[in-house]
Structure formats: structure tokens, C-alpha cells
N, C-alpha and C. Protein backbone atom coordinates (compact mmCIF):
# COMPACT_ATOMS: atom_id res chain seq x y z
N VAL A 1 -100.56 -74.35 86.59
CA VAL A 1 -99.60 -75.28 87.16
C VAL A 1 -98.20 -74.78 86.86
N GLN A 2 -97.39 -74.67 87.89
CA GLN A 2 -95.99 -74.31 87.70
C GLN A 2 -95.15 -75.56 87.85
N LEU A 3 -94.24 -75.75 86.93
CA LEU A 3 -93.44 -76.96 86.91
C LEU A 3 -91.98 -76.64 87.21
N GLN A 4 -91.38 -77.50 88.01
CA GLN A 4 -89.97 -77.34 88.36
C GLN A 4 -89.24 -78.63 88.00
N ALA A 5 -88.32 -78.52 87.06
CA ALA A 5 -87.57 -79.69 86.63
C ALA A 5 -86.24 -79.73 87.34
N SER A 6 -85.77 -80.94 87.58
CA SER A 6 -84.46 -81.13 88.20
C SER A 6 -83.85 -82.41 87.66
N GLY A 7 -82.57 -82.56 87.89
CA GLY A 7 -81.85 -83.72 87.41
C GLY A 7 -81.00 -83.36 86.21
N GLY A 8 -80.62 -84.33 85.47
CA GLY A 8 -79.77 -84.10 84.31
C GLY A 8 -78.31 -84.11 84.69
N GLY A 9 -77.47 -83.91 83.70
CA GLY A 9 -76.03 -83.91 83.93
C GLY A 9 -75.30 -84.57 82.80
N THR A 10 -74.02 -84.84 83.06
CA THR A 10 -73.15 -85.47 82.07
C THR A 10 -72.70 -86.82 82.58
N VAL A 11 -72.93 -87.85 81.78
CA VAL A 11 -72.56 -89.21 82.17
C VAL A 11 -71.95 -89.92 80.97
N GLN A 12 -71.40 -91.07 81.24
CA GLN A 12 -70.88 -91.91 80.16
C GLN A 12 -71.97 -92.87 79.69
N ALA A 13 -71.80 -93.37 78.50
CA ALA A 13 -72.75 -94.31 77.94
C ALA A 13 -72.90 -95.51 78.87
N GLY A 14 -74.15 -95.94 79.05
CA GLY A 14 -74.44 -97.05 79.92
C GLY A 14 -74.86 -96.64 81.33
N ALA A 15 -74.63 -95.40 81.66
CA ALA A 15 -74.97 -94.92 83.00
C ALA A 15 -76.45 -94.58 83.08
N SER A 16 -76.86 -94.15 84.26
CA SER A 16 -78.26 -93.80 84.53
C SER A 16 -78.36 -92.37 85.05
N LEU A 17 -79.51 -91.78 84.79
CA LEU A 17 -79.84 -90.47 85.34
C LEU A 17 -81.32 -90.47 85.68
N ARG A 18 -81.68 -89.58 86.58
CA ARG A 18 -83.08 -89.45 86.96
C ARG A 18 -83.49 -87.99 86.87
N LEU A 19 -84.54 -87.74 86.14
CA LEU A 19 -85.11 -86.40 86.03
C LEU A 19 -86.40 -86.36 86.82
N SER A 20 -86.66 -85.20 87.41
CA SER A 20 -87.88 -85.05 88.18
C SER A 20 -88.60 -83.78 87.77
N CYS A 21 -89.91 -83.85 87.72
CA CYS A 21 -90.74 -82.70 87.37
C CYS A 21 -91.79 -82.56 88.46
N ALA A 22 -91.69 -81.49 89.24
CA ALA A 22 -92.60 -81.28 90.36
C ALA A 22 -93.55 -80.13 90.06
N ALA A 23 -94.75 -80.26 90.55
CA ALA A 23 -95.76 -79.22 90.34
C ALA A 23 -95.95 -78.39 91.59
N SER A 24 -96.20 -77.14 91.41
CA SER A 24 -96.58 -76.27 92.52
C SER A 24 -97.79 -75.46 92.09
N GLY A 25 -98.57 -75.09 93.06
CA GLY A 25 -99.76 -74.31 92.75
C GLY A 25 -100.99 -75.16 92.57
N ARG A 26 -100.83 -76.28 91.89
CA ARG A 26 -101.93 -77.21 91.68
C ARG A 26 -101.38 -78.61 91.63
N THR A 27 -102.28 -79.57 91.73
CA THR A 27 -101.84 -80.95 91.60
C THR A 27 -101.97 -81.39 90.15
N PHE A 28 -101.40 -82.55 89.87
CA PHE A 28 -101.46 -83.12 88.54
C PHE A 28 -102.71 -83.97 88.32
N SER A 29 -103.67 -83.91 89.21
CA SER A 29 -104.77 -84.88 89.22
C SER A 29 -105.50 -84.99 87.89
N ARG A 30 -105.56 -83.92 87.14
CA ARG A 30 -106.29 -83.95 85.87
C ARG A 30 -105.37 -83.62 84.70
N HIS A 31 -104.14 -84.10 84.81
CA HIS A 31 -103.16 -83.81 83.78
C HIS A 31 -102.39 -85.05 83.38
N THR A 32 -101.84 -84.96 82.22
CA THR A 32 -100.79 -85.88 81.79
C THR A 32 -99.49 -85.10 81.84
N VAL A 33 -98.48 -85.73 82.39
CA VAL A 33 -97.19 -85.08 82.55
C VAL A 33 -96.17 -85.84 81.71
N GLY A 34 -95.33 -85.12 81.05
CA GLY A 34 -94.37 -85.80 80.18
C GLY A 34 -93.06 -85.05 80.04
N TRP A 35 -92.14 -85.73 79.39
CA TRP A 35 -90.83 -85.15 79.10
C TRP A 35 -90.61 -85.13 77.59
N PHE A 36 -90.21 -83.98 77.11
CA PHE A 36 -89.78 -83.82 75.73
C PHE A 36 -88.26 -83.67 75.73
N ARG A 37 -87.67 -83.88 74.56
CA ARG A 37 -86.26 -83.57 74.41
C ARG A 37 -86.02 -82.93 73.06
N GLN A 38 -84.99 -82.12 73.02
CA GLN A 38 -84.64 -81.42 71.79
C GLN A 38 -83.13 -81.39 71.64
N THR A 39 -82.68 -81.74 70.45
CA THR A 39 -81.27 -81.59 70.11
C THR A 39 -81.14 -80.46 69.11
N PRO A 40 -79.98 -79.83 69.04
CA PRO A 40 -79.82 -78.68 68.14
C PRO A 40 -80.19 -79.03 66.71
N GLY A 41 -81.02 -78.22 66.13
CA GLY A 41 -81.41 -78.42 64.75
C GLY A 41 -82.44 -79.49 64.52
N ARG A 42 -82.94 -80.08 65.59
CA ARG A 42 -83.92 -81.15 65.43
C ARG A 42 -85.19 -80.78 66.16
N GLU A 43 -86.24 -81.47 65.83
CA GLU A 43 -87.54 -81.16 66.41
C GLU A 43 -87.62 -81.64 67.84
N HIS A 44 -88.65 -81.18 68.50
CA HIS A 44 -88.93 -81.60 69.85
C HIS A 44 -89.62 -82.96 69.81
N ILE A 45 -89.16 -83.88 70.60
CA ILE A 45 -89.70 -85.24 70.62
C ILE A 45 -90.28 -85.54 72.00
N LEU A 46 -91.48 -86.07 72.02
CA LEU A 46 -92.05 -86.54 73.27
C LEU A 46 -91.38 -87.85 73.63
N VAL A 47 -90.70 -87.86 74.74
CA VAL A 47 -89.95 -89.04 75.18
C VAL A 47 -90.85 -89.99 75.96
N ALA A 48 -91.58 -89.45 76.90
CA ALA A 48 -92.43 -90.28 77.75
C ALA A 48 -93.50 -89.40 78.39
N ALA A 49 -94.63 -90.01 78.68
CA ALA A 49 -95.72 -89.28 79.32
C ALA A 49 -96.52 -90.24 80.18
N ILE A 50 -97.11 -89.69 81.24
CA ILE A 50 -97.94 -90.50 82.14
C ILE A 50 -99.17 -89.70 82.51
N ARG A 51 -100.30 -90.36 82.39
CA ARG A 51 -101.55 -89.74 82.80
C ARG A 51 -101.71 -89.97 84.30
N TRP A 52 -101.83 -88.90 85.02
CA TRP A 52 -101.75 -88.99 86.47
C TRP A 52 -102.84 -89.87 87.07
N ARG A 53 -104.06 -89.75 86.60
CA ARG A 53 -105.19 -90.39 87.29
C ARG A 53 -105.18 -91.90 87.18
N ASP A 54 -104.62 -92.46 86.11
CA ASP A 54 -104.64 -93.91 85.97
C ASP A 54 -103.28 -94.48 85.57
N GLU A 55 -102.27 -93.63 85.51
CA GLU A 55 -100.89 -94.04 85.21
C GLU A 55 -100.75 -94.65 83.82
N LEU A 56 -101.63 -94.30 82.93
CA LEU A 56 -101.43 -94.70 81.52
C LEU A 56 -100.15 -94.04 81.04
N THR A 57 -99.28 -94.81 80.38
CA THR A 57 -97.99 -94.27 79.98
C THR A 57 -97.75 -94.39 78.48
N PHE A 58 -96.89 -93.52 78.01
CA PHE A 58 -96.42 -93.53 76.63
C PHE A 58 -94.90 -93.45 76.66
N TYR A 59 -94.27 -94.20 75.77
CA TYR A 59 -92.82 -94.12 75.60
C TYR A 59 -92.50 -94.05 74.11
N ALA A 60 -91.57 -93.20 73.77
CA ALA A 60 -91.08 -93.18 72.41
C ALA A 60 -90.32 -94.48 72.13
N ASP A 61 -90.34 -94.93 70.91
CA ASP A 61 -89.67 -96.19 70.55
C ASP A 61 -88.19 -96.16 70.94
N ALA A 62 -87.58 -95.00 70.83
CA ALA A 62 -86.14 -94.91 71.06
C ALA A 62 -85.74 -95.14 72.51
N VAL A 63 -86.72 -95.00 73.44
CA VAL A 63 -86.37 -95.12 74.86
C VAL A 63 -87.10 -96.25 75.55
N ARG A 64 -88.05 -96.86 74.85
CA ARG A 64 -88.84 -97.92 75.50
C ARG A 64 -87.93 -99.05 75.95
N GLY A 65 -88.13 -99.46 77.19
CA GLY A 65 -87.30 -100.51 77.78
C GLY A 65 -86.09 -99.97 78.53
N ARG A 66 -85.74 -98.73 78.30
CA ARG A 66 -84.61 -98.12 79.01
C ARG A 66 -85.05 -97.03 79.97
N PHE A 67 -86.10 -96.32 79.61
CA PHE A 67 -86.61 -95.22 80.43
C PHE A 67 -87.90 -95.66 81.11
N THR A 68 -88.09 -95.21 82.34
CA THR A 68 -89.31 -95.51 83.08
C THR A 68 -89.83 -94.23 83.73
N LEU A 69 -91.09 -93.98 83.50
CA LEU A 69 -91.73 -92.80 84.07
C LEU A 69 -92.63 -93.24 85.22
N SER A 70 -92.58 -92.52 86.32
CA SER A 70 -93.41 -92.88 87.46
C SER A 70 -93.88 -91.61 88.16
N ARG A 71 -94.95 -91.72 88.87
CA ARG A 71 -95.47 -90.58 89.61
C ARG A 71 -95.22 -90.77 91.10
N ASP A 72 -95.06 -89.67 91.79
CA ASP A 72 -94.89 -89.67 93.23
C ASP A 72 -95.97 -88.76 93.79
N THR A 73 -97.00 -89.37 94.35
CA THR A 73 -98.14 -88.58 94.82
C THR A 73 -97.77 -87.72 96.02
N ALA A 74 -96.85 -88.18 96.84
CA ALA A 74 -96.46 -87.41 98.02
C ALA A 74 -95.75 -86.12 97.63
N ARG A 75 -94.92 -86.20 96.60
CA ARG A 75 -94.17 -85.03 96.16
C ARG A 75 -94.85 -84.30 95.02
N ASN A 76 -95.97 -84.87 94.55
CA ASN A 76 -96.66 -84.29 93.39
C ASN A 76 -95.68 -84.08 92.25
N SER A 77 -94.98 -85.14 91.95
CA SER A 77 -93.95 -85.05 90.93
C SER A 77 -93.97 -86.28 90.04
N VAL A 78 -93.34 -86.15 88.92
CA VAL A 78 -93.17 -87.25 87.98
C VAL A 78 -91.68 -87.42 87.73
N ASP A 79 -91.21 -88.64 87.88
CA ASP A 79 -89.80 -88.93 87.73
C ASP A 79 -89.54 -89.76 86.47
N LEU A 80 -88.50 -89.39 85.75
CA LEU A 80 -88.07 -90.14 84.58
C LEU A 80 -86.74 -90.80 84.89
N GLN A 81 -86.78 -92.10 85.07
CA GLN A 81 -85.58 -92.87 85.31
C GLN A 81 -85.01 -93.29 83.96
N MET A 82 -83.80 -92.87 83.69
CA MET A 82 -83.17 -93.15 82.39
C MET A 82 -81.99 -94.08 82.61
N ASN A 83 -82.12 -95.29 82.13
CA ASN A 83 -81.06 -96.29 82.27
C ASN A 83 -80.43 -96.58 80.90
N SER A 84 -79.26 -97.19 80.96
CA SER A 84 -78.55 -97.58 79.73
C SER A 84 -78.49 -96.41 78.74
N LEU A 85 -78.08 -95.28 79.23
CA LEU A 85 -78.06 -94.09 78.40
C LEU A 85 -77.09 -94.25 77.24
N GLU A 86 -77.47 -93.67 76.12
CA GLU A 86 -76.69 -93.73 74.90
C GLU A 86 -76.34 -92.31 74.46
N PRO A 87 -75.27 -92.15 73.70
CA PRO A 87 -74.94 -90.80 73.22
C PRO A 87 -76.10 -90.14 72.47
N GLU A 88 -76.91 -90.96 71.83
CA GLU A 88 -78.07 -90.42 71.10
C GLU A 88 -79.13 -89.82 72.02
N ASP A 89 -79.02 -90.09 73.32
CA ASP A 89 -79.96 -89.50 74.28
C ASP A 89 -79.56 -88.08 74.67
N THR A 90 -78.40 -87.65 74.24
CA THR A 90 -77.96 -86.29 74.55
C THR A 90 -78.93 -85.28 73.99
N ALA A 91 -79.44 -84.42 74.86
CA ALA A 91 -80.45 -83.43 74.44
C ALA A 91 -80.79 -82.53 75.62
N LEU A 92 -81.53 -81.49 75.31
CA LEU A 92 -82.15 -80.68 76.34
C LEU A 92 -83.50 -81.31 76.66
N TYR A 93 -83.69 -81.71 77.87
CA TYR A 93 -84.94 -82.33 78.31
C TYR A 93 -85.76 -81.30 79.08
N TYR A 94 -87.05 -81.30 78.83
CA TYR A 94 -87.92 -80.40 79.57
C TYR A 94 -89.28 -81.07 79.77
N CYS A 95 -89.89 -80.76 80.91
CA CYS A 95 -91.16 -81.39 81.23
C CYS A 95 -92.32 -80.46 80.92
N GLY A 96 -93.45 -81.08 80.75
CA GLY A 96 -94.66 -80.33 80.46
C GLY A 96 -95.87 -81.04 81.01
N ALA A 97 -96.98 -80.36 80.98
CA ALA A 97 -98.24 -80.95 81.43
C ALA A 97 -99.35 -80.53 80.48
N ILE A 98 -100.22 -81.47 80.23
CA ILE A 98 -101.37 -81.21 79.37
C ILE A 98 -102.62 -81.66 80.11
N GLU A 99 -103.64 -80.85 80.06
CA GLU A 99 -104.88 -81.19 80.75
C GLU A 99 -105.54 -82.38 80.06
N ASP A 100 -106.12 -83.25 80.86
CA ASP A 100 -106.72 -84.47 80.31
C ASP A 100 -107.84 -84.17 79.32
N ARG A 101 -108.51 -83.07 79.47
CA ARG A 101 -109.61 -82.75 78.56
C ARG A 101 -109.12 -82.56 77.13
N ALA A 102 -107.83 -82.36 76.94
CA ALA A 102 -107.29 -82.24 75.59
C ALA A 102 -107.30 -83.57 74.86
N GLY A 103 -107.34 -84.66 75.64
CA GLY A 103 -107.39 -85.97 75.02
C GLY A 103 -106.04 -86.64 74.90
N TRP A 104 -105.98 -87.92 75.23
CA TRP A 104 -104.72 -88.67 75.17
C TRP A 104 -104.14 -88.68 73.76
N SER A 105 -104.96 -88.67 72.77
CA SER A 105 -104.46 -88.73 71.39
C SER A 105 -103.67 -87.48 71.00
N ARG A 106 -103.77 -86.42 71.78
CA ARG A 106 -103.09 -85.17 71.43
C ARG A 106 -101.71 -85.04 72.08
N ILE A 107 -101.30 -86.02 72.88
CA ILE A 107 -100.08 -85.81 73.66
C ILE A 107 -98.83 -85.68 72.78
N SER A 108 -98.84 -86.22 71.61
CA SER A 108 -97.66 -86.10 70.75
C SER A 108 -97.57 -84.73 70.07
N ASP A 109 -98.64 -83.97 70.19
CA ASP A 109 -98.68 -82.63 69.60
C ASP A 109 -98.22 -81.62 70.63
N ARG A 110 -96.98 -81.19 70.52
CA ARG A 110 -96.40 -80.30 71.52
C ARG A 110 -97.21 -79.02 71.68
N ASP A 111 -97.83 -78.57 70.64
CA ASP A 111 -98.62 -77.33 70.71
C ASP A 111 -99.86 -77.48 71.58
N SER A 112 -100.24 -78.72 71.88
CA SER A 112 -101.42 -78.95 72.72
C SER A 112 -101.10 -78.87 74.21
N TRP A 113 -99.84 -78.88 74.55
CA TRP A 113 -99.46 -78.85 75.97
C TRP A 113 -99.56 -77.43 76.49
N GLN A 114 -100.00 -77.31 77.75
CA GLN A 114 -100.29 -75.99 78.29
C GLN A 114 -99.23 -75.47 79.26
N TYR A 115 -98.53 -76.36 79.90
CA TYR A 115 -97.63 -75.93 80.96
C TYR A 115 -96.23 -76.50 80.72
N TRP A 116 -95.22 -75.71 81.07
CA TRP A 116 -93.85 -76.11 80.82
C TRP A 116 -92.94 -75.80 81.99
N GLY A 117 -92.00 -76.70 82.21
CA GLY A 117 -90.93 -76.43 83.14
C GLY A 117 -89.69 -75.99 82.37
N GLN A 118 -88.65 -75.68 83.11
CA GLN A 118 -87.42 -75.27 82.44
C GLN A 118 -86.69 -76.51 81.92
N GLY A 119 -85.79 -76.32 81.03
CA GLY A 119 -85.05 -77.44 80.47
C GLY A 119 -83.87 -77.83 81.33
N THR A 120 -83.47 -79.07 81.17
CA THR A 120 -82.28 -79.55 81.86
C THR A 120 -81.47 -80.37 80.85
N GLN A 121 -80.18 -80.13 80.81
CA GLN A 121 -79.32 -80.76 79.81
C GLN A 121 -78.89 -82.14 80.26
N VAL A 122 -79.00 -83.08 79.33
CA VAL A 122 -78.47 -84.42 79.53
C VAL A 122 -77.43 -84.66 78.45
N THR A 123 -76.22 -84.98 78.86
CA THR A 123 -75.14 -85.23 77.92
C THR A 123 -74.56 -86.60 78.21
N VAL A 124 -74.53 -87.43 77.18
CA VAL A 124 -74.01 -88.79 77.32
C VAL A 124 -72.81 -88.93 76.41
N SER A 125 -71.68 -89.22 77.00
CA SER A 125 -70.46 -89.36 76.21
C SER A 125 -70.20 -90.84 75.92
N SER A 126 -69.56 -91.08 74.79
CA SER A 126 -69.30 -92.46 74.38
C SER A 126 -68.00 -92.97 74.97
């Protein structure tokens, strides 16, 4: 699976952004797709993930209620709608996909993910 990420940018606190992760080559039918973020000197954090086949979702505590992940079957993509952005959301965001056979319990383990898109920078100013 090849992943193409888009979106990101620089906004002020309270604004919204939308990130998109599209697949080419294969569909997401047997994958969970998610977004990680990384800030300089800090670890990679799974922000949100959605299992394609049944739309089971995961959200990190820091973004729950502000971020929404959804799938678009027509575009074979997963979109991350980020509302009420905070300066603490500033990071490099990148999408990934993990095959369902790895198990839902493994999604927080970045080393278990098999496919990656490029990163996109999100900067939120106060």
C-alpha cells in the first residue's frame, strides 16, 4: 500500500485543519489507518486510528473531542478533521497503515505498522 498524505499548514489557535491520507495500489479494506505526530525531541504519538472494515476508532486523550477521523470509500482515503487546534498540537503529522491481522491491540506500537506516508507539518500559533 502506498500512502499519500496531504493537508497541514500554519494556523492560529482555535482554527481547524484537515489532513487526508489516500491509498494507491491497494485498498484499505483489511487495514487500520491512522495518524501519528512527532515533535522535536519527543516520541511518536498515535493521534487517531480507524479500522476500515468496521470504522472502529481510537483517539489519543489529548485530541479526543477535537479531532475526528473518518473514511472516504470513494477516494479510498482517511481524513483527520482537527478542530479547536492548540499550540500543543504543533508537530509533524504522518499517516500509516497496519494490517488487521496484526491485531487492534498493537496499534499503539509504531513498530507494528507496515506502511507509511510522508509527513506534513502542522503549526499552531498562540
